[in-house]
């Protein structure tokens, strides 16, 4: 992954039966980006990211 903007963040989330609660977009050439977070989900509860950044 190359370009002007590259950020890697590793998160460790508990694997709950209802899922992690986030949607991703992108792929090999563009990288993977978090598109959405489901309110009340595991991903929402950890508050480690800001989708407005």
N, C-alpha and C. Protein backbone atom coordinates (compact mmCIF):
# COMPACT_ATOMS: atom_id res chain seq x y z
N UNK A 1 0.86 -1.18 0.00
CA UNK A 1 0.00 0.00 0.00
C UNK A 1 0.89 1.23 0.00
N UNK A 2 0.76 2.03 -1.00
CA UNK A 2 1.57 3.24 -1.09
C UNK A 2 0.68 4.43 -1.37
N UNK A 3 1.19 5.59 -1.12
CA UNK A 3 0.44 6.80 -1.38
C UNK A 3 0.76 7.87 -0.36
N UNK A 4 0.08 8.99 -0.49
CA UNK A 4 0.32 10.09 0.42
C UNK A 4 -0.22 9.81 1.81
N UNK A 5 -1.30 9.05 1.90
CA UNK A 5 -1.94 8.82 3.19
C UNK A 5 -1.95 7.33 3.49
N UNK A 6 -1.20 6.92 4.48
CA UNK A 6 -1.17 5.52 4.90
C UNK A 6 -1.19 5.49 6.41
N UNK A 7 -2.14 4.77 6.98
CA UNK A 7 -2.21 4.61 8.42
C UNK A 7 -2.59 3.17 8.71
N UNK A 8 -1.86 2.53 9.59
CA UNK A 8 -2.15 1.17 9.98
C UNK A 8 -2.50 1.19 11.46
N UNK A 9 -3.61 0.57 11.81
CA UNK A 9 -4.01 0.48 13.20
C UNK A 9 -4.45 -0.95 13.45
N UNK A 10 -3.88 -1.57 14.47
CA UNK A 10 -4.23 -2.94 14.84
C UNK A 10 -5.10 -2.89 16.08
N UNK A 11 -6.27 -3.52 15.99
CA UNK A 11 -7.21 -3.55 17.10
C UNK A 11 -7.48 -4.99 17.50
N UNK A 12 -7.60 -5.22 18.78
CA UNK A 12 -7.97 -6.54 19.29
C UNK A 12 -9.35 -6.41 19.92
N UNK A 13 -10.35 -7.04 19.30
CA UNK A 13 -11.72 -6.96 19.76
C UNK A 13 -12.21 -8.34 20.16
N UNK A 14 -13.04 -8.43 21.21
CA UNK A 14 -13.61 -9.73 21.56
C UNK A 14 -14.56 -10.20 20.46
N UNK A 15 -14.52 -11.48 20.15
CA UNK A 15 -15.36 -12.04 19.09
C UNK A 15 -16.70 -12.46 19.68
N UNK A 16 -17.68 -11.59 19.60
CA UNK A 16 -19.01 -11.85 20.14
C UNK A 16 -19.86 -12.59 19.10
N UNK A 17 -20.85 -13.38 19.54
CA UNK A 17 -21.69 -14.12 18.59
C UNK A 17 -22.42 -13.23 17.59
N UNK A 18 -22.78 -12.01 17.98
CA UNK A 18 -23.51 -11.12 17.07
C UNK A 18 -22.59 -10.41 16.09
N UNK A 19 -21.30 -10.64 16.18
CA UNK A 19 -20.35 -10.03 15.25
C UNK A 19 -19.64 -8.84 15.88
N UNK A 20 -18.74 -8.24 15.12
CA UNK A 20 -17.94 -7.13 15.62
C UNK A 20 -18.63 -5.79 15.45
N UNK A 21 -19.50 -5.67 14.47
CA UNK A 21 -20.30 -4.47 14.33
C UNK A 21 -19.70 -3.34 13.53
N UNK A 22 -18.92 -3.68 12.50
CA UNK A 22 -18.44 -2.62 11.62
C UNK A 22 -18.41 -3.12 10.18
N UNK A 23 -18.55 -2.16 9.26
CA UNK A 23 -18.50 -2.46 7.83
C UNK A 23 -17.24 -1.89 7.23
N UNK A 24 -16.68 -2.60 6.25
CA UNK A 24 -15.44 -2.15 5.61
C UNK A 24 -15.63 -2.03 4.10
N UNK A 25 -14.81 -1.21 3.49
CA UNK A 25 -14.77 -1.08 2.03
C UNK A 25 -13.32 -1.07 1.62
N UNK A 26 -13.09 -1.29 0.34
CA UNK A 26 -11.72 -1.25 -0.18
C UNK A 26 -11.23 -2.63 -0.55
N UNK A 27 -9.95 -2.70 -0.78
CA UNK A 27 -9.37 -3.96 -1.18
C UNK A 27 -7.87 -3.89 -1.29
N UNK A 28 -7.32 -4.78 -2.08
CA UNK A 28 -5.87 -4.93 -2.18
C UNK A 28 -5.18 -3.66 -2.64
N UNK A 29 -5.68 -3.04 -3.69
CA UNK A 29 -4.98 -1.87 -4.24
C UNK A 29 -5.26 -0.58 -3.46
N UNK A 30 -6.40 -0.52 -2.78
CA UNK A 30 -6.76 0.71 -2.08
C UNK A 30 -6.59 0.62 -0.57
N UNK A 31 -6.39 -0.56 -0.06
CA UNK A 31 -6.39 -0.75 1.39
C UNK A 31 -7.82 -0.92 1.88
N UNK A 32 -7.97 -1.28 3.12
CA UNK A 32 -9.29 -1.50 3.71
C UNK A 32 -9.59 -0.32 4.63
N UNK A 33 -10.80 0.22 4.51
CA UNK A 33 -11.21 1.37 5.30
C UNK A 33 -12.51 1.03 6.01
N UNK A 34 -12.63 1.42 7.27
CA UNK A 34 -13.87 1.22 8.02
C UNK A 34 -14.90 2.21 7.50
N UNK A 35 -16.03 1.69 7.03
CA UNK A 35 -17.10 2.52 6.46
C UNK A 35 -18.14 2.90 7.50
N UNK A 36 -18.50 1.96 8.36
CA UNK A 36 -19.56 2.22 9.33
C UNK A 36 -19.36 1.39 10.58
N UNK A 37 -19.94 1.88 11.68
CA UNK A 37 -19.91 1.16 12.96
C UNK A 37 -21.35 1.10 13.47
N UNK A 38 -21.79 -0.09 13.85
CA UNK A 38 -23.15 -0.30 14.34
C UNK A 38 -23.24 0.18 15.79
N UNK A 39 -24.21 1.04 16.08
CA UNK A 39 -24.40 1.55 17.44
C UNK A 39 -24.63 0.40 18.42
N UNK A 40 -23.92 0.43 19.54
CA UNK A 40 -24.06 -0.59 20.58
C UNK A 40 -23.25 -1.85 20.36
N UNK A 41 -22.57 -1.96 19.23
CA UNK A 41 -21.78 -3.16 18.91
C UNK A 41 -20.45 -3.15 19.66
N UNK A 42 -19.72 -4.25 19.56
CA UNK A 42 -18.39 -4.34 20.16
C UNK A 42 -17.51 -3.21 19.65
N UNK A 43 -17.51 -2.98 18.36
CA UNK A 43 -16.68 -1.92 17.77
C UNK A 43 -17.06 -0.55 18.31
N UNK A 44 -18.33 -0.31 18.53
CA UNK A 44 -18.80 0.96 19.07
C UNK A 44 -18.38 1.13 20.53
N UNK A 45 -18.44 0.07 21.30
CA UNK A 45 -18.14 0.14 22.73
C UNK A 45 -16.68 0.42 23.03
N UNK A 46 -15.75 -0.02 22.19
CA UNK A 46 -14.33 0.18 22.49
C UNK A 46 -13.86 1.60 22.20
N UNK A 47 -14.56 2.35 21.35
CA UNK A 47 -14.28 3.78 21.09
C UNK A 47 -12.81 4.05 20.73
N UNK A 48 -12.21 3.18 19.92
CA UNK A 48 -10.80 3.35 19.56
C UNK A 48 -10.60 4.12 18.27
N UNK A 49 -11.66 4.47 17.58
CA UNK A 49 -11.52 5.15 16.30
C UNK A 49 -12.57 6.24 16.16
N UNK A 50 -12.33 7.12 15.25
CA UNK A 50 -13.25 8.21 14.94
C UNK A 50 -13.46 8.23 13.43
N UNK A 51 -14.67 7.92 12.98
CA UNK A 51 -14.95 7.86 11.55
C UNK A 51 -14.89 9.23 10.89
N UNK A 52 -14.85 10.28 11.67
CA UNK A 52 -14.80 11.63 11.10
C UNK A 52 -13.38 12.09 10.83
N UNK A 53 -12.39 11.31 11.18
CA UNK A 53 -10.99 11.69 10.93
C UNK A 53 -10.64 11.51 9.49
